[in-house]
C-alpha atoms as a PDB file:
ATOM      1  CA  UNK A   1      -7.670   7.679  22.182  1.00  0.00           C
ATOM      2  CA  UNK A   2      -5.940  11.004  22.565  1.00  0.00           C
ATOM      3  CA  UNK A   3      -5.633  13.486  19.755  1.00  0.00           C
ATOM      4  CA  UNK A   4      -1.922  13.754  20.570  1.00  0.00           C
ATOM      5  CA  UNK A   5      -1.350   9.999  20.053  1.00  0.00           C
ATOM      6  CA  UNK A   6      -3.125  10.102  16.683  1.00  0.00           C
ATOM      7  CA  UNK A   7      -1.104  13.175  15.639  1.00  0.00           C
ATOM      8  CA  UNK A   8       2.166  11.451  16.522  1.00  0.00           C
ATOM      9  CA  UNK A   9       1.171   8.220  14.749  1.00  0.00           C
ATOM     10  CA  UNK A  10       0.233  10.108  11.581  1.00  0.00           C
ATOM     11  CA  UNK A  11       3.507  12.033  11.702  1.00  0.00           C
ATOM     12  CA  UNK A  12       5.402   8.751  12.182  1.00  0.00           C
ATOM     13  CA  UNK A  13       3.701   7.160   9.147  1.00  0.00           C
ATOM     14  CA  UNK A  14       4.485  10.127   6.902  1.00  0.00           C
ATOM     15  CA  UNK A  15       8.048  10.433   8.241  1.00  0.00           C
ATOM     16  CA  UNK A  16       8.724   6.751   7.527  1.00  0.00           C
ATOM     17  CA  UNK A  17       7.781   7.234   3.868  1.00  0.00           C
ATOM     18  CA  UNK A  18       9.859  10.396   3.590  1.00  0.00           C
ATOM     19  CA  UNK A  19      12.903   8.718   5.141  1.00  0.00           C
ATOM     20  CA  UNK A  20      12.668   5.704   2.838  1.00  0.00           C
ATOM     21  CA  UNK A  21      12.442   3.223   5.732  1.00  0.00           C
ATOM     22  CA  UNK A  22      10.739   0.229   4.127  1.00  0.00           C
ATOM     23  CA  UNK A  23      11.638  -2.571   6.515  1.00  0.00           C
ATOM     24  CA  UNK A  24       8.900  -5.048   7.385  1.00  0.00           C
ATOM     25  CA  UNK A  25       9.596  -4.365  11.055  1.00  0.00           C
ATOM     26  CA  UNK A  26       8.969  -0.627  10.741  1.00  0.00           C
ATOM     27  CA  UNK A  27       5.750  -1.212   8.781  1.00  0.00           C
ATOM     28  CA  UNK A  28       4.500  -3.805  11.256  1.00  0.00           C
ATOM     29  CA  UNK A  29       5.245  -1.484  14.190  1.00  0.00           C
ATOM     30  CA  UNK A  30       2.708   1.013  12.819  1.00  0.00           C
ATOM     31  CA  UNK A  31      -0.117  -1.556  12.692  1.00  0.00           C
ATOM     32  CA  UNK A  32      -2.556  -2.536  15.431  1.00  0.00           C
ATOM     33  CA  UNK A  33      -2.708  -6.274  16.109  1.00  0.00           C
ATOM     34  CA  UNK A  34      -6.317  -6.313  14.852  1.00  0.00           C
ATOM     35  CA  UNK A  35      -5.742  -4.139  11.768  1.00  0.00           C
ATOM     36  CA  UNK A  36      -7.957  -4.839   8.743  1.00  0.00           C
ATOM     37  CA  UNK A  37      -7.013  -3.815   5.206  1.00  0.00           C
ATOM     38  CA  UNK A  38      -8.951  -3.913   1.950  1.00  0.00           C
ATOM     39  CA  UNK A  39      -8.286  -2.858  -1.618  1.00  0.00           C
ATOM     40  CA  UNK A  40     -10.958  -1.002  -3.559  1.00  0.00           C
ATOM     41  CA  UNK A  41     -10.741  -3.603  -6.335  1.00  0.00           C
ATOM     42  CA  UNK A  42     -11.427  -6.527  -3.973  1.00  0.00           C
ATOM     43  CA  UNK A  43     -13.491  -4.976  -1.163  1.00  0.00           C
ATOM     44  CA  UNK A  44     -14.835  -8.332   0.000  1.00  0.00           C
ATOM     45  CA  UNK A  45     -11.302  -9.586   0.773  1.00  0.00           C
ATOM     46  CA  UNK A  46     -10.152  -8.362   4.168  1.00  0.00           C
ATOM     47  CA  UNK A  47      -6.540  -8.860   5.215  1.00  0.00           C
ATOM     48  CA  UNK A  48      -5.612  -9.198   8.875  1.00  0.00           C
ATOM     49  CA  UNK A  49      -2.179  -8.153  10.146  1.00  0.00           C
ATOM     50  CA  UNK A  50      -0.486 -11.474   9.392  1.00  0.00           C
ATOM     51  CA  UNK A  51      -1.935 -11.677   5.867  1.00  0.00           C
ATOM     52  CA  UNK A  52      -1.229  -7.998   5.214  1.00  0.00           C
ATOM     53  CA  UNK A  53       2.438  -8.475   6.057  1.00  0.00           C
ATOM     54  CA  UNK A  54       2.762 -11.817   4.216  1.00  0.00           C
ATOM     55  CA  UNK A  55       0.607 -11.164   1.134  1.00  0.00           C
ATOM     56  CA  UNK A  56       0.958  -7.423   0.615  1.00  0.00           C
ATOM     57  CA  UNK A  57       3.999  -5.752   2.163  1.00  0.00           C
ATOM     58  CA  UNK A  58       6.568  -8.593   1.966  1.00  0.00           C
ATOM     59  CA  UNK A  59       5.947  -9.271  -1.761  1.00  0.00           C
ATOM     60  CA  UNK A  60       6.209  -5.550  -2.546  1.00  0.00           C
ATOM     61  CA  UNK A  61       9.543  -5.252  -0.752  1.00  0.00           C
ATOM     62  CA  UNK A  62      10.821  -8.409  -2.486  1.00  0.00           C
ATOM     63  CA  UNK A  63       9.638  -7.490  -6.000  1.00  0.00           C
ATOM     64  CA  UNK A  64      10.554  -3.790  -5.789  1.00  0.00           C
ATOM     65  CA  UNK A  65      13.870  -3.531  -3.901  1.00  0.00           C
ATOM     66  CA  UNK A  66      14.057   0.238  -4.488  1.00  0.00           C
ATOM     67  CA  UNK A  67      10.391   0.955  -3.751  1.00  0.00           C
ATOM     68  CA  UNK A  68       9.434   4.487  -2.796  1.00  0.00           C
ATOM     69  CA  UNK A  69       6.225   6.298  -2.024  1.00  0.00           C
ATOM     70  CA  UNK A  70       6.252  10.047  -2.546  1.00  0.00           C
ATOM     71  CA  UNK A  71       3.430  11.776  -0.692  1.00  0.00           C
ATOM     72  CA  UNK A  72       2.057  14.777  -2.573  1.00  0.00           C
ATOM     73  CA  UNK A  73      -1.078  15.470  -0.533  1.00  0.00           C
ATOM     74  CA  UNK A  74      -2.809  14.478   2.684  1.00  0.00           C
ATOM     75  CA  UNK A  75      -6.221  15.180   4.158  1.00  0.00           C
ATOM     76  CA  UNK A  76      -7.223  14.492   7.725  1.00  0.00           C
ATOM     77  CA  UNK A  77     -10.614  14.002   9.319  1.00  0.00           C
ATOM     78  CA  UNK A  78     -10.308  13.171  13.005  1.00  0.00           C
ATOM     79  CA  UNK A  79      -8.526   9.829  13.245  1.00  0.00           C
ATOM     80  CA  UNK A  80      -8.545   9.177   9.474  1.00  0.00           C
ATOM     81  CA  UNK A  81      -5.772  10.173   7.114  1.00  0.00           C
ATOM     82  CA  UNK A  82      -6.063  10.187   3.317  1.00  0.00           C
ATOM     83  CA  UNK A  83      -2.638   9.919   1.700  1.00  0.00           C
ATOM     84  CA  UNK A  84      -2.205  10.730  -1.987  1.00  0.00           C
ATOM     85  CA  UNK A  85       1.111   9.752  -3.481  1.00  0.00           C
ATOM     86  CA  UNK A  86       3.190   8.159  -6.192  1.00  0.00           C
ATOM     87  CA  UNK A  87       4.321   4.538  -5.830  1.00  0.00           C
ATOM     88  CA  UNK A  88       7.490   3.800  -7.775  1.00  0.00           C
ATOM     89  CA  UNK A  89      10.125   1.109  -7.976  1.00  0.00           C
ATOM     90  CA  UNK A  90      11.953  -1.294 -10.260  1.00  0.00           C
ATOM     91  CA  UNK A  91      10.091  -4.560 -10.871  1.00  0.00           C
ATOM     92  CA  UNK A  92      13.121  -6.757 -10.174  1.00  0.00           C
ATOM     93  CA  UNK A  93      11.192  -9.816  -8.998  1.00  0.00           C
ATOM     94  CA  UNK A  94       8.048 -11.594 -10.151  1.00  0.00           C
ATOM     95  CA  UNK A  95       4.911 -10.184  -8.549  1.00  0.00           C
ATOM     96  CA  UNK A  96       1.288 -11.343  -8.233  1.00  0.00           C
ATOM     97  CA  UNK A  97      -1.388  -8.670  -8.128  1.00  0.00           C
ATOM     98  CA  UNK A  98      -5.169  -9.025  -8.376  1.00  0.00           C
ATOM     99  CA  UNK A  99      -4.903 -12.678  -9.402  1.00  0.00           C
ATOM    100  CA  UNK A 100      -2.516 -11.737 -12.221  1.00  0.00           C
ATOM    101  CA  UNK A 101       1.151 -12.774 -12.290  1.00  0.00           C
ATOM    102  CA  UNK A 102       3.669 -10.221 -13.532  1.00  0.00           C
ATOM    103  CA  UNK A 103       7.174 -11.293 -14.574  1.00  0.00           C
ATOM    104  CA  UNK A 104      10.113  -9.177 -13.501  1.00  0.00           C
ATOM    105  CA  UNK A 105      11.118  -6.806 -16.308  1.00  0.00           C
ATOM    106  CA  UNK A 106      13.681  -4.697 -14.424  1.00  0.00           C
ATOM    107  CA  UNK A 107      12.034  -1.454 -15.513  1.00  0.00           C
ATOM    108  CA  UNK A 108      10.985   1.348 -13.224  1.00  0.00           C
ATOM    109  CA  UNK A 109       7.221   1.584 -12.695  1.00  0.00           C
ATOM    110  CA  UNK A 110       5.101   4.313 -11.148  1.00  0.00           C
ATOM    111  CA  UNK A 111       1.456   4.991 -10.428  1.00  0.00           C
ATOM    112  CA  UNK A 112      -0.752   7.090  -8.199  1.00  0.00           C
ATOM    113  CA  UNK A 113      -2.307   5.752  -5.035  1.00  0.00           C
ATOM    114  CA  UNK A 114      -4.852   7.194  -2.637  1.00  0.00           C
ATOM    115  CA  UNK A 115      -4.977   5.251   0.586  1.00  0.00           C
ATOM    116  CA  UNK A 116      -6.980   5.905   3.734  1.00  0.00           C
ATOM    117  CA  UNK A 117      -5.618   5.024   7.167  1.00  0.00           C
ATOM    118  CA  UNK A 118      -7.667   5.006  10.358  1.00  0.00           C
ATOM    119  CA  UNK A 119      -5.801   5.323  13.624  1.00  0.00           C
ATOM    120  CA  UNK A 120      -6.649   4.048  17.073  1.00  0.00           C
ATOM    121  CA  UNK A 121      -4.265   5.702  19.455  1.00  0.00           C
ATOM    122  CA  UNK A 122      -0.771   5.349  18.042  1.00  0.00           C
ATOM    123  CA  UNK A 123      -1.563   2.442  15.679  1.00  0.00           C
ATOM    124  CA  UNK A 124      -3.271   1.992  12.320  1.00  0.00           C
ATOM    125  CA  UNK A 125      -6.356  -0.205  12.756  1.00  0.00           C
ATOM    126  CA  UNK A 126      -7.938   0.101   9.276  1.00  0.00           C
ATOM    127  CA  UNK A 127      -6.529   0.620   5.779  1.00  0.00           C
ATOM    128  CA  UNK A 128      -8.362   1.152   2.504  1.00  0.00           C
ATOM    129  CA  UNK A 129      -5.968   0.879  -0.480  1.00  0.00           C
ATOM    130  CA  UNK A 130      -6.854   2.509  -3.808  1.00  0.00           C
ATOM    131  CA  UNK A 131      -4.510   2.550  -6.803  1.00  0.00           C
ATOM    132  CA  UNK A 132      -4.895   3.674 -10.388  1.00  0.00           C
ATOM    133  CA  UNK A 133      -5.494   0.091 -11.533  1.00  0.00           C
ATOM    134  CA  UNK A 134      -5.167   0.787 -15.258  1.00  0.00           C
ATOM    135  CA  UNK A 135      -1.827   2.528 -14.701  1.00  0.00           C
ATOM    136  CA  UNK A 136      -0.696  -0.400 -12.533  1.00  0.00           C
ATOM    137  CA  UNK A 137      -1.534  -2.868 -15.326  1.00  0.00           C
ATOM    138  CA  UNK A 138       0.263  -0.806 -17.957  1.00  0.00           C
ATOM    139  CA  UNK A 139       3.329  -0.168 -15.826  1.00  0.00           C
ATOM    140  CA  UNK A 140       3.640  -3.816 -14.801  1.00  0.00           C
ATOM    141  CA  UNK A 141       3.627  -4.867 -18.456  1.00  0.00           C
ATOM    142  CA  UNK A 142       0.159  -6.363 -18.845  1.00  0.00           C
ATOM    143  CA  UNK A 143      -1.620  -5.842 -22.139  1.00  0.00           C
ATOM    144  CA  UNK A 144      -4.488  -3.737 -20.865  1.00  0.00           C
ATOM    145  CA  UNK A 145      -7.086  -5.807 -22.708  1.00  0.00           C
ATOM    146  CA  UNK A 146      -5.799  -8.909 -20.873  1.00  0.00           C
ATOM    147  CA  UNK A 147      -5.811  -7.385 -17.402  1.00  0.00           C
ATOM    148  CA  UNK A 148      -8.711  -8.570 -15.275  1.00  0.00           C
ATOM    149  CA  UNK A 149     -10.401  -5.688 -13.540  1.00  0.00           C
ATOM    150  CA  UNK A 150     -12.743  -7.971 -11.629  1.00  0.00           C
ATOM    151  CA  UNK A 151     -11.688 -10.688  -9.229  1.00  0.00           C
ATOM    152  CA  UNK A 152     -12.314 -14.109 -10.693  1.00  0.00           C
ATOM    153  CA  UNK A 153     -12.942 -12.801 -14.217  1.00  0.00           C
END
């Protein structure tokens, strides 16, 4: 792995968010074939590339047709990149999240996310997602007392 390849891959990831390119093809092109992703809320559930595209990215793009991610800070340590940003979009389609179903309400939602990406060469091979879960629940329309913070609760 060259430092130059990692630099270019990180720049490509950040540029894709800035440009608003949210196609499944552009997202998939950034991922290594053996990528693994987890969410802080369900750390025992690892998503491979196929599941990540099918269960995470595709539903987001379908439910939030105007989705955006505004990066407000980044930190780098070697081949790892921490990205701090604001997720926003209009919930125009039903969406399942953390074993909870949210009905489309056609309102704009927003919350902070802090995700870590590990690069191998010019591809992302590991992702750790971390969102402000309480803000997600509120923004999606869940009564906070009804929102399950633990899987299977």
